[in-house]
């Protein structure tokens, strides 16, 4: 049994795709650029806000000035609308409660800007999350393992006792870079082939399967 689980947030614990897409398209509209279908954002998100913005901008408009402006507009919209259409995935709340009953620590490491993390987690998960860290200025984003290693050190655990759970290539690479086991979830933004090709040790389709992996 693992003693701690570190979760990705977007696409793993929370379905945030619609709110991320709406904030992104708002920024594009403010700049006078074409918007995208929501499904496209499955492949834009995952590497942090700046990478999201770079990916969504037209190929000939990826200037530093446009990226910076789009980030301002994105934050303007998302800060007020980040909970409009967001919700936990099916079975997530129940899974977290079961882990807490087994004294398994729960952490979140996300590429979402840190300033958005605490409020979102409090809204949807109350005090269930022991440690939550988003992207902070001066730190590299995932798949750099620094923040994951920070969480492991804070929990005073060894790496064999920790599982990282996420929905994308970035998450699997993060776990591998940190030297911990990884589990890819199929209810998020990416697919089986991406997870396997990037080193997922486990793949699950629902929270019951994930509970068995964590608790066995």
Protein backbone atom coordinates (compact mmCIF):
# COMPACT_ATOMS: atom_id res chain seq x y z
CA UNK A 1 0.00 0.00 0.00
CA UNK A 2 1.25 3.46 -0.86
CA UNK A 3 1.49 5.94 2.02
CA UNK A 4 0.83 8.99 -0.15
CA UNK A 5 -0.68 9.85 -3.51
CA UNK A 6 0.29 12.96 -5.46
CA UNK A 7 -2.42 13.92 -7.93
CA UNK A 8 -2.35 16.16 -10.95
CA UNK A 9 -5.34 18.51 -10.85
CA UNK A 10 -6.78 19.42 -14.27
CA UNK A 11 -7.98 16.31 -16.06
CA UNK A 12 -7.30 14.10 -13.04
CA UNK A 13 -9.24 15.34 -10.02
CA UNK A 14 -11.24 18.07 -11.73
CA UNK A 15 -12.78 18.39 -15.17
CA UNK A 16 -11.72 21.97 -15.85
CA UNK A 17 -11.63 21.82 -19.65
CA UNK A 18 -14.64 24.03 -20.40
CA UNK A 19 -13.59 26.83 -18.07
CA UNK A 20 -10.00 26.73 -19.38
CA UNK A 21 -11.29 26.81 -22.95
CA UNK A 22 -13.65 29.72 -22.27
CA UNK A 23 -10.88 31.75 -20.60
CA UNK A 24 -8.55 30.99 -23.50
CA UNK A 25 -11.09 31.93 -26.16
CA UNK A 26 -11.88 35.12 -24.26
CA UNK A 27 -8.20 36.06 -24.48
CA UNK A 28 -8.10 35.24 -28.18
CA UNK A 29 -11.21 37.32 -28.85
CA UNK A 30 -9.74 40.29 -26.96
CA UNK A 31 -6.68 40.08 -29.22
CA UNK A 32 -8.79 39.71 -32.35
CA UNK A 33 -7.57 36.19 -33.11
CA UNK A 34 -9.61 33.11 -34.13
CA UNK A 35 -10.93 30.95 -31.30
CA UNK A 36 -10.80 27.14 -30.98
CA UNK A 37 -13.27 24.32 -30.45
CA UNK A 38 -13.27 23.13 -26.83
CA UNK A 39 -11.95 19.68 -27.82
CA UNK A 40 -8.72 21.27 -29.11
CA UNK A 41 -7.85 22.39 -25.61
CA UNK A 42 -7.35 18.78 -24.53
CA UNK A 43 -4.01 19.03 -26.31
CA UNK A 44 -3.21 22.63 -25.42
CA UNK A 45 -3.39 22.22 -21.63
CA UNK A 46 -1.12 20.29 -19.29
CA UNK A 47 2.20 22.13 -19.53
CA UNK A 48 1.21 25.33 -17.74
CA UNK A 49 -0.50 28.57 -18.65
CA UNK A 50 2.28 29.96 -20.86
CA UNK A 51 2.48 26.81 -22.95
CA UNK A 52 -1.31 26.78 -23.25
CA UNK A 53 -1.25 30.32 -24.58
CA UNK A 54 1.60 29.64 -26.98
CA UNK A 55 -0.23 26.62 -28.37
CA UNK A 56 -3.54 28.39 -28.87
CA UNK A 57 -2.15 31.48 -30.63
CA UNK A 58 -1.97 31.51 -34.45
CA UNK A 59 1.40 30.33 -35.72
CA UNK A 60 2.35 33.77 -37.00
CA UNK A 61 1.23 35.55 -33.80
CA UNK A 62 3.32 33.79 -31.14
CA UNK A 63 5.20 36.93 -30.09
CA UNK A 64 6.26 37.66 -26.52
CA UNK A 65 3.93 40.67 -26.49
CA UNK A 66 0.93 38.61 -27.62
CA UNK A 67 1.71 35.85 -25.12
CA UNK A 68 1.95 38.36 -22.27
CA UNK A 69 -1.27 40.13 -23.29
CA UNK A 70 -3.14 36.85 -23.69
CA UNK A 71 -2.00 35.80 -20.21
CA UNK A 72 -3.45 38.99 -18.74
CA UNK A 73 -6.78 38.47 -20.49
CA UNK A 74 -6.82 34.76 -19.59
CA UNK A 75 -6.29 35.55 -15.90
CA UNK A 76 -8.88 38.32 -16.03
CA UNK A 77 -11.55 35.87 -17.17
CA UNK A 78 -10.43 32.74 -15.35
CA UNK A 79 -10.10 34.38 -11.94
CA UNK A 80 -13.83 35.18 -12.01
CA UNK A 81 -15.13 32.12 -13.87
CA UNK A 82 -12.87 29.22 -12.88
CA UNK A 83 -15.71 27.41 -11.11
CA UNK A 84 -18.53 28.03 -13.60
CA UNK A 85 -18.40 24.62 -15.31
CA UNK A 86 -15.74 22.79 -13.31
CA UNK A 87 -16.52 19.71 -11.23
CA UNK A 88 -14.77 16.67 -9.73
CA UNK A 89 -14.74 13.55 -11.87
CA UNK A 90 -17.07 10.71 -10.93
CA UNK A 91 -15.93 8.86 -7.82
CA UNK A 92 -13.14 11.27 -6.90
CA UNK A 93 -14.65 12.60 -3.66
CA UNK A 94 -15.44 9.08 -2.49
CA UNK A 95 -11.92 7.91 -3.35
CA UNK A 96 -10.30 10.73 -1.40
CA UNK A 97 -12.46 9.97 1.63
CA UNK A 98 -11.46 6.30 1.50
CA UNK A 99 -7.78 7.22 1.31
CA UNK A 100 -8.12 9.55 4.29
CA UNK A 101 -9.76 6.76 6.30
CA UNK A 102 -6.73 4.59 5.54
CA UNK A 103 -4.38 7.40 6.64
CA UNK A 104 -2.99 7.81 3.13
CA UNK A 105 -1.73 11.34 2.53
CA UNK A 106 -3.14 13.25 -0.44
CA UNK A 107 -1.22 15.95 -2.29
CA UNK A 108 -1.66 17.92 -5.51
CA UNK A 109 1.11 19.09 -7.83
CA UNK A 110 -0.17 21.05 -10.80
CA UNK A 111 1.11 23.29 -13.58
CA UNK A 112 -1.90 25.56 -12.93
CA UNK A 113 -0.69 28.89 -11.51
CA UNK A 114 -0.37 28.56 -7.74
CA UNK A 115 -2.62 31.57 -7.11
CA UNK A 116 -5.60 29.61 -8.48
CA UNK A 117 -4.90 26.37 -6.61
CA UNK A 118 -5.92 26.97 -3.01
CA UNK A 119 -9.31 28.53 -3.74
CA UNK A 120 -10.27 25.85 -6.26
CA UNK A 121 -9.24 22.97 -3.98
CA UNK A 122 -11.05 24.47 -0.99
CA UNK A 123 -14.22 24.84 -3.04
CA UNK A 124 -14.31 21.26 -4.30
CA UNK A 125 -12.36 19.23 -1.74
CA UNK A 126 -12.54 21.10 1.57
CA UNK A 127 -9.60 20.05 3.75
CA UNK A 128 -9.00 16.67 2.09
CA UNK A 129 -5.73 17.72 0.42
CA UNK A 130 -2.67 17.72 2.71
CA UNK A 131 -0.35 19.69 0.41
CA UNK A 132 -1.11 21.54 -2.82
CA UNK A 133 1.44 23.27 -5.02
CA UNK A 134 0.85 24.95 -8.36
CA UNK A 135 3.31 26.61 -10.65
CA UNK A 136 5.26 29.33 -8.84
CA UNK A 137 7.46 32.06 -10.25
CA UNK A 138 11.07 30.97 -10.30
CA UNK A 139 10.26 27.25 -10.47
CA UNK A 140 10.26 25.05 -13.54
CA UNK A 141 6.97 23.48 -14.54
CA UNK A 142 6.34 19.74 -14.71
CA UNK A 143 7.83 17.45 -15.97
CA UNK A 144 10.60 18.95 -13.84
CA UNK A 145 10.42 16.88 -10.62
CA UNK A 146 11.42 19.61 -8.16
CA UNK A 147 7.95 20.24 -6.74
CA UNK A 148 7.12 16.53 -6.49
CA UNK A 149 10.37 15.98 -4.61
CA UNK A 150 9.48 18.90 -2.35
CA UNK A 151 6.17 17.23 -1.46
CA UNK A 152 7.84 13.87 -0.77
CA UNK A 153 10.37 15.55 1.51
CA UNK A 154 7.64 17.46 3.34
CA UNK A 155 5.72 14.22 3.94
CA UNK A 156 8.94 12.56 5.14
CA UNK A 157 8.43 9.51 2.94
CA UNK A 158 10.69 7.53 0.67
CA UNK A 159 9.93 7.35 -3.02
CA UNK A 160 8.74 3.75 -2.95
CA UNK A 161 5.87 4.87 -0.72
CA UNK A 162 4.48 7.48 -3.14
CA UNK A 163 2.32 7.16 -6.27
CA UNK A 164 1.85 9.95 -8.81
CA UNK A 165 -1.51 10.02 -10.62
CA UNK A 166 -2.23 12.05 -13.75
CA UNK A 167 -3.86 12.09 -17.17
CA UNK A 168 -1.09 13.20 -19.55
CA UNK A 169 2.39 12.60 -20.89
CA UNK A 170 3.64 15.44 -18.69
CA UNK A 171 2.41 13.62 -15.59
CA UNK A 172 4.01 10.32 -16.49
CA UNK A 173 7.30 12.04 -17.29
CA UNK A 174 7.12 13.97 -14.02
CA UNK A 175 6.77 10.76 -12.03
CA UNK A 176 9.58 9.10 -13.93
CA UNK A 177 11.85 12.11 -13.45
CA UNK A 178 11.12 12.03 -9.73
CA UNK A 179 11.78 8.29 -9.53
CA UNK A 180 8.32 7.32 -8.28
CA UNK A 181 5.56 5.05 -9.61
CA UNK A 182 3.05 6.55 -12.00
CA UNK A 183 -0.59 5.82 -12.78
CA UNK A 184 -2.38 7.23 -15.81
CA UNK A 185 -6.13 7.84 -15.73
CA UNK A 186 -8.30 7.48 -18.82
CA UNK A 187 -11.09 9.83 -17.77
CA UNK A 188 -8.98 12.95 -18.36
CA UNK A 189 -7.77 14.92 -21.36
CA UNK A 190 -5.45 12.42 -23.09
CA UNK A 191 -5.50 8.75 -24.17
CA UNK A 192 -4.08 5.32 -23.40
CA UNK A 193 -1.32 5.38 -26.03
CA UNK A 194 0.07 8.67 -24.78
CA UNK A 195 0.18 7.45 -21.19
CA UNK A 196 1.81 4.12 -22.02
CA UNK A 197 4.38 5.59 -24.39
CA UNK A 198 5.48 8.01 -21.69
CA UNK A 199 6.13 5.38 -19.07
CA UNK A 200 2.94 4.87 -17.07
CA UNK A 201 3.38 1.94 -14.68
CA UNK A 202 -0.38 1.59 -14.24
CA UNK A 203 -3.42 2.62 -16.29
CA UNK A 204 -6.93 2.89 -14.81
CA UNK A 205 -10.37 3.57 -16.23
CA UNK A 206 -12.19 4.43 -13.00
CA UNK A 207 -11.60 5.30 -9.35
CA UNK A 208 -12.34 1.76 -8.12
CA UNK A 209 -9.37 0.49 -10.14
CA UNK A 210 -7.23 3.32 -8.82
CA UNK A 211 -8.19 2.56 -5.20
CA UNK A 212 -7.05 -1.05 -5.63
CA UNK A 213 -3.66 0.03 -6.95
CA UNK A 214 -3.16 2.53 -4.14
CA UNK A 215 -4.32 0.28 -1.32
CA UNK A 216 -2.98 -3.14 -2.30
